[in-house]
Amino acid sequence: MLGIRKNGITVAVVQLPYHKHESLCVMLDDRPNEMIAVASFTSLENAAWFKEILEEMFSVEEDR
């Protein structure tokens, strides 16, 4: 699972059971046992690309 967490909200790319492709899910700290799938990817390649974009978007770079 690759996700971003802030203010008690996690948005993550998750491989759900019984789903062919990975899904975009939201999890809330006040509902720890609930994972809400909001979208699914049309291919494994699209899911991998989205993961790369998330990593790039939220990476922390050192000032030089």
PDB file of N, CA and C in Angstrom:
ATOM      1  N   MET A   1       0.854  -1.183   0.000  1.00  0.00           N
ATOM      2  CA  MET A   1       0.000   0.000   0.000  1.00  0.00           C
ATOM      3  C   MET A   1       0.895   1.239   0.000  1.00  0.00           C
ATOM      4  N   LEU A   2       0.590   2.138  -0.890  1.00  0.00           N
ATOM      5  CA  LEU A   2       1.289   3.419  -0.932  1.00  0.00           C
ATOM      6  C   LEU A   2       0.261   4.488  -0.630  1.00  0.00           C
ATOM      7  N   GLY A   3       0.524   5.286   0.411  1.00  0.00           N
ATOM      8  CA  GLY A   3      -0.459   6.288   0.759  1.00  0.00           C
ATOM      9  C   GLY A   3       0.145   7.550   1.329  1.00  0.00           C
ATOM     10  N   ILE A   4      -0.715   8.534   1.407  1.00  0.00           N
ATOM     11  CA  ILE A   4      -0.379   9.823   1.981  1.00  0.00           C
ATOM     12  C   ILE A   4      -1.338  10.047   3.140  1.00  0.00           C
ATOM     13  N   ARG A   5      -0.787  10.421   4.311  1.00  0.00           N
ATOM     14  CA  ARG A   5      -1.622  10.628   5.495  1.00  0.00           C
ATOM     15  C   ARG A   5      -1.435  12.044   6.007  1.00  0.00           C
ATOM     16  N   LYS A   6      -2.562  12.697   6.271  1.00  0.00           N
ATOM     17  CA  LYS A   6      -2.530  14.040   6.857  1.00  0.00           C
ATOM     18  C   LYS A   6      -3.870  14.304   7.540  1.00  0.00           C
ATOM     19  N   ASN A   7      -3.802  14.930   8.711  1.00  0.00           N
ATOM     20  CA  ASN A   7      -5.001  15.325   9.466  1.00  0.00           C
ATOM     21  C   ASN A   7      -5.983  14.177   9.679  1.00  0.00           C
ATOM     22  N   GLY A   8      -5.468  12.985   9.917  1.00  0.00           N
ATOM     23  CA  GLY A   8      -6.335  11.846  10.199  1.00  0.00           C
ATOM     24  C   GLY A   8      -6.974  11.218   8.971  1.00  0.00           C
ATOM     25  N   ILE A   9      -6.520  11.613   7.785  1.00  0.00           N
ATOM     26  CA  ILE A   9      -7.073  11.078   6.540  1.00  0.00           C
ATOM     27  C   ILE A   9      -5.925  10.449   5.750  1.00  0.00           C
ATOM     28  N   THR A  10      -6.140   9.235   5.278  1.00  0.00           N
ATOM     29  CA  THR A  10      -5.158   8.566   4.425  1.00  0.00           C
ATOM     30  C   THR A  10      -5.778   8.310   3.063  1.00  0.00           C
ATOM     31  N   VAL A  11      -5.051   8.669   2.016  1.00  0.00           N
ATOM     32  CA  VAL A  11      -5.422   8.353   0.641  1.00  0.00           C
ATOM     33  C   VAL A  11      -4.344   7.406   0.145  1.00  0.00           C
ATOM     34  N   ALA A  12      -4.754   6.230  -0.358  1.00  0.00           N
ATOM     35  CA  ALA A  12      -3.763   5.212  -0.707  1.00  0.00           C
ATOM     36  C   ALA A  12      -4.177   4.403  -1.926  1.00  0.00           C
ATOM     37  N   VAL A  13      -3.171   3.862  -2.592  1.00  0.00           N
ATOM     38  CA  VAL A  13      -3.379   2.892  -3.662  1.00  0.00           C
ATOM     39  C   VAL A  13      -3.268   1.518  -3.010  1.00  0.00           C
ATOM     40  N   VAL A  14      -4.344   0.708  -3.126  1.00  0.00           N
ATOM     41  CA  VAL A  14      -4.444  -0.545  -2.388  1.00  0.00           C
ATOM     42  C   VAL A  14      -4.905  -1.665  -3.319  1.00  0.00           C
ATOM     43  N   GLN A  15      -4.323  -2.848  -3.143  1.00  0.00           N
ATOM     44  CA  GLN A  15      -4.822  -4.036  -3.836  1.00  0.00           C
ATOM     45  C   GLN A  15      -5.859  -4.690  -2.934  1.00  0.00           C
ATOM     46  N   LEU A  16      -7.125  -4.545  -3.275  1.00  0.00           N
ATOM     47  CA  LEU A  16      -8.206  -5.093  -2.468  1.00  0.00           C
ATOM     48  C   LEU A  16      -8.461  -6.552  -2.845  1.00  0.00           C
ATOM     49  N   PRO A  17      -8.881  -7.363  -1.876  1.00  0.00           N
ATOM     50  CA  PRO A  17      -9.205  -8.750  -2.184  1.00  0.00           C
ATOM     51  C   PRO A  17     -10.332  -8.818  -3.219  1.00  0.00           C
ATOM     52  N   TYR A  18     -10.239  -9.759  -4.107  1.00  0.00           N
ATOM     53  CA  TYR A  18     -11.266 -10.015  -5.121  1.00  0.00           C
ATOM     54  C   TYR A  18     -11.383  -8.914  -6.169  1.00  0.00           C
ATOM     55  N   HIS A  19     -10.389  -8.023  -6.257  1.00  0.00           N
ATOM     56  CA  HIS A  19     -10.361  -6.992  -7.286  1.00  0.00           C
ATOM     57  C   HIS A  19      -9.183  -7.274  -8.210  1.00  0.00           C
ATOM     58  N   LYS A  20      -9.421  -7.168  -9.496  1.00  0.00           N
ATOM     59  CA  LYS A  20      -8.370  -7.461 -10.476  1.00  0.00           C
ATOM     60  C   LYS A  20      -7.257  -6.421 -10.425  1.00  0.00           C
ATOM     61  N   HIS A  21      -7.636  -5.146 -10.295  1.00  0.00           N
ATOM     62  CA  HIS A  21      -6.662  -4.064 -10.308  1.00  0.00           C
ATOM     63  C   HIS A  21      -6.666  -3.334  -8.976  1.00  0.00           C
ATOM     64  N   GLU A  22      -5.620  -2.557  -8.767  1.00  0.00           N
ATOM     65  CA  GLU A  22      -5.526  -1.787  -7.532  1.00  0.00           C
ATOM     66  C   GLU A  22      -6.566  -0.665  -7.512  1.00  0.00           C
ATOM     67  N   SER A  23      -6.926  -0.224  -6.312  1.00  0.00           N
ATOM     68  CA  SER A  23      -7.947   0.800  -6.123  1.00  0.00           C
ATOM     69  C   SER A  23      -7.378   1.993  -5.371  1.00  0.00           C
ATOM     70  N   LEU A  24      -7.997   3.143  -5.587  1.00  0.00           N
ATOM     71  CA  LEU A  24      -7.693   4.347  -4.827  1.00  0.00           C
ATOM     72  C   LEU A  24      -8.667   4.374  -3.657  1.00  0.00           C
ATOM     73  N   CYS A  25      -8.126   4.369  -2.437  1.00  0.00           N
ATOM     74  CA  CYS A  25      -8.975   4.258  -1.247  1.00  0.00           C
ATOM     75  C   CYS A  25      -8.720   5.399  -0.276  1.00  0.00           C
ATOM     76  N   VAL A  26      -9.743   5.678   0.534  1.00  0.00           N
ATOM     77  CA  VAL A  26      -9.662   6.678   1.599  1.00  0.00           C
ATOM     78  C   VAL A  26      -9.939   5.980   2.920  1.00  0.00           C
ATOM     79  N   MET A  27      -9.097   6.293   3.925  1.00  0.00           N
ATOM     80  CA  MET A  27      -9.286   5.758   5.264  1.00  0.00           C
ATOM     81  C   MET A  27      -9.265   6.914   6.253  1.00  0.00           C
ATOM     82  N   LEU A  28     -10.142   6.867   7.226  1.00  0.00           N
ATOM     83  CA  LEU A  28     -10.252   7.919   8.234  1.00  0.00           C
ATOM     84  C   LEU A  28      -9.875   7.362   9.598  1.00  0.00           C
ATOM     85  N   ASP A  29      -9.119   8.131  10.374  1.00  0.00           N
ATOM     86  CA  ASP A  29      -8.692   7.675  11.697  1.00  0.00           C
ATOM     87  C   ASP A  29      -9.872   7.358  12.608  1.00  0.00           C
ATOM     88  N   ASP A  30     -10.979   8.083  12.459  1.00  0.00           N
ATOM     89  CA  ASP A  30     -12.122   7.839  13.334  1.00  0.00           C
ATOM     90  C   ASP A  30     -12.958   6.635  12.887  1.00  0.00           C
ATOM     91  N   ARG A  31     -12.569   5.991  11.778  1.00  0.00           N
ATOM     92  CA  ARG A  31     -13.210   4.755  11.308  1.00  0.00           C
ATOM     93  C   ARG A  31     -12.102   3.766  10.928  1.00  0.00           C
ATOM     94  N   PRO A  32     -11.351   3.265  11.906  1.00  0.00           N
ATOM     95  CA  PRO A  32     -10.147   2.483  11.621  1.00  0.00           C
ATOM     96  C   PRO A  32     -10.390   1.172  10.872  1.00  0.00           C
ATOM     97  N   ASN A  33     -11.569   0.631  10.918  1.00  0.00           N
ATOM     98  CA  ASN A  33     -11.852  -0.643  10.261  1.00  0.00           C
ATOM     99  C   ASN A  33     -12.544  -0.479   8.916  1.00  0.00           C
ATOM    100  N   GLU A  34     -12.582   0.745   8.407  1.00  0.00           N
ATOM    101  CA  GLU A  34     -13.294   1.014   7.158  1.00  0.00           C
ATOM    102  C   GLU A  34     -12.333   1.576   6.111  1.00  0.00           C
ATOM    103  N   MET A  35     -12.355   0.979   4.927  1.00  0.00           N
ATOM    104  CA  MET A  35     -11.566   1.462   3.798  1.00  0.00           C
ATOM    105  C   MET A  35     -12.554   1.717   2.657  1.00  0.00           C
ATOM    106  N   ILE A  36     -12.607   2.951   2.191  1.00  0.00           N
ATOM    107  CA  ILE A  36     -13.583   3.326   1.166  1.00  0.00           C
ATOM    108  C   ILE A  36     -12.877   3.425  -0.181  1.00  0.00           C
ATOM    109  N   ALA A  37     -13.244   2.528  -1.104  1.00  0.00           N
ATOM    110  CA  ALA A  37     -12.688   2.569  -2.454  1.00  0.00           C
ATOM    111  C   ALA A  37     -13.429   3.644  -3.244  1.00  0.00           C
ATOM    112  N   VAL A  38     -12.687   4.603  -3.773  1.00  0.00           N
ATOM    113  CA  VAL A  38     -13.304   5.703  -4.508  1.00  0.00           C
ATOM    114  C   VAL A  38     -13.065   5.597  -6.006  1.00  0.00           C
ATOM    115  N   ALA A  39     -12.100   4.766  -6.403  1.00  0.00           N
ATOM    116  CA  ALA A  39     -11.813   4.577  -7.828  1.00  0.00           C
ATOM    117  C   ALA A  39     -10.977   3.319  -7.995  1.00  0.00           C
ATOM    118  N   SER A  40     -11.021   2.774  -9.205  1.00  0.00           N
ATOM    119  CA  SER A  40     -10.121   1.658  -9.514  1.00  0.00           C
ATOM    120  C   SER A  40      -9.372   1.991 -10.791  1.00  0.00           C
ATOM    121  N   PHE A  41      -8.218   1.400 -10.918  1.00  0.00           N
ATOM    122  CA  PHE A  41      -7.385   1.658 -12.073  1.00  0.00           C
ATOM    123  C   PHE A  41      -7.732   0.680 -13.196  1.00  0.00           C
ATOM    124  N   THR A  42      -7.597   1.125 -14.430  1.00  0.00           N
ATOM    125  CA  THR A  42      -7.945   0.291 -15.574  1.00  0.00           C
ATOM    126  C   THR A  42      -6.860  -0.711 -15.928  1.00  0.00           C
ATOM    127  N   SER A  43      -5.672  -0.513 -15.372  1.00  0.00           N
ATOM    128  CA  SER A  43      -4.578  -1.453 -15.631  1.00  0.00           C
ATOM    129  C   SER A  43      -3.547  -1.352 -14.519  1.00  0.00           C
ATOM    130  N   LEU A  44      -2.725  -2.374 -14.426  1.00  0.00           N
ATOM    131  CA  LEU A  44      -1.644  -2.346 -13.452  1.00  0.00           C
ATOM    132  C   LEU A  44      -0.642  -1.253 -13.800  1.00  0.00           C
ATOM    133  N   GLU A  45      -0.470  -0.986 -15.085  1.00  0.00           N
ATOM    134  CA  GLU A  45       0.442   0.075 -15.514  1.00  0.00           C
ATOM    135  C   GLU A  45      -0.037   1.445 -15.033  1.00  0.00           C
ATOM    136  N   ASN A  46      -1.343   1.705 -15.141  1.00  0.00           N
ATOM    137  CA  ASN A  46      -1.893   2.984 -14.669  1.00  0.00           C
ATOM    138  C   ASN A  46      -1.742   3.128 -13.157  1.00  0.00           C
ATOM    139  N   ALA A  47      -1.940   2.039 -12.426  1.00  0.00           N
ATOM    140  CA  ALA A  47      -1.768   2.076 -10.971  1.00  0.00           C
ATOM    141  C   ALA A  47      -0.311   2.375 -10.628  1.00  0.00           C
ATOM    142  N   ALA A  48       0.625   1.733 -11.326  1.00  0.00           N
ATOM    143  CA  ALA A  48       2.049   1.970 -11.075  1.00  0.00           C
ATOM    144  C   ALA A  48       2.421   3.412 -11.397  1.00  0.00           C
ATOM    145  N   TRP A  49       1.900   3.937 -12.488  1.00  0.00           N
ATOM    146  CA  TRP A  49       2.168   5.328 -12.867  1.00  0.00           C
ATOM    147  C   TRP A  49       1.639   6.282 -11.803  1.00  0.00           C
ATOM    148  N   PHE A  50       0.424   6.039 -11.324  1.00  0.00           N
ATOM    149  CA  PHE A  50      -0.165   6.895 -10.299  1.00  0.00           C
ATOM    150  C   PHE A  50       0.664   6.856  -9.024  1.00  0.00           C
ATOM    151  N   LYS A  51       1.158   5.670  -8.651  1.00  0.00           N
ATOM    152  CA  LYS A  51       2.016   5.550  -7.473  1.00  0.00           C
ATOM    153  C   LYS A  51       3.268   6.411  -7.637  1.00  0.00           C
ATOM    154  N   GLU A  52       3.872   6.375  -8.817  1.00  0.00           N
ATOM    155  CA  GLU A  52       5.060   7.186  -9.077  1.00  0.00           C
ATOM    156  C   GLU A  52       4.755   8.673  -8.946  1.00  0.00           C
ATOM    157  N   ILE A  53       3.608   9.089  -9.460  1.00  0.00           N
ATOM    158  CA  ILE A  53       3.206  10.495  -9.377  1.00  0.00           C
ATOM    159  C   ILE A  53       2.990  10.887  -7.912  1.00  0.00           C
ATOM    160  N   LEU A  54       2.333  10.036  -7.129  1.00  0.00           N
ATOM    161  CA  LEU A  54       2.140  10.326  -5.701  1.00  0.00           C
ATOM    162  C   LEU A  54       3.484  10.483  -4.995  1.00  0.00           C
ATOM    163  N   GLU A  55       4.400   9.558  -5.275  1.00  0.00           N
ATOM    164  CA  GLU A  55       5.716   9.630  -4.634  1.00  0.00           C
ATOM    165  C   GLU A  55       6.432  10.920  -5.002  1.00  0.00           C
ATOM    166  N   GLU A  56       6.370  11.293  -6.275  1.00  0.00           N
ATOM    167  CA  GLU A  56       7.024  12.524  -6.721  1.00  0.00           C
ATOM    168  C   GLU A  56       6.356  13.757  -6.125  1.00  0.00           C
ATOM    169  N   MET A  57       5.033  13.750  -6.113  1.00  0.00           N
ATOM    170  CA  MET A  57       4.280  14.904  -5.632  1.00  0.00           C
ATOM    171  C   MET A  57       4.530  15.168  -4.151  1.00  0.00           C
ATOM    172  N   PHE A  58       4.662  14.118  -3.357  1.00  0.00           N
ATOM    173  CA  PHE A  58       4.774  14.286  -1.919  1.00  0.00           C
ATOM    174  C   PHE A  58       6.171  14.025  -1.370  1.00  0.00           C
ATOM    175  N   SER A  59       7.143  13.884  -2.258  1.00  0.00           N
ATOM    176  CA  SER A  59       8.508  13.688  -1.775  1.00  0.00           C
ATOM    177  C   SER A  59       9.049  15.000  -1.219  1.00  0.00           C
ATOM    178  N   VAL A  60       9.963  14.853  -0.303  1.00  0.00           N
ATOM    179  CA  VAL A  60      10.578  16.025   0.315  1.00  0.00           C
ATOM    180  C   VAL A  60      11.995  16.138  -0.239  1.00  0.00           C
ATOM    181  N   GLU A  61      12.289  17.265  -0.824  1.00  0.00           N
ATOM    182  CA  GLU A  61      13.619  17.482  -1.370  1.00  0.00           C
ATOM    183  C   GLU A  61      14.375  18.449  -0.462  1.00  0.00           C
ATOM    184  N   GLU A  62      15.672  18.182  -0.320  1.00  0.00           N
ATOM    185  CA  GLU A  62      16.496  19.056   0.513  1.00  0.00           C
ATOM    186  C   GLU A  62      16.821  20.322  -0.255  1.00  0.00           C
ATOM    187  N   ASP A  63      16.838  21.451   0.460  1.00  0.00           N
ATOM    188  CA  ASP A  63      17.251  22.715  -0.148  1.00  0.00           C
ATOM    189  C   ASP A  63      18.750  22.678  -0.365  1.00  0.00           C
ATOM    190  N   ARG A  64      19.188  23.214  -1.482  1.00  0.00           N
ATOM    191  CA  ARG A  64      20.629  23.234  -1.777  1.00  0.00           C
ATOM    192  C   ARG A  64      21.116  24.639  -1.809  1.00  0.00           C
TER     193      ARG A  64
END
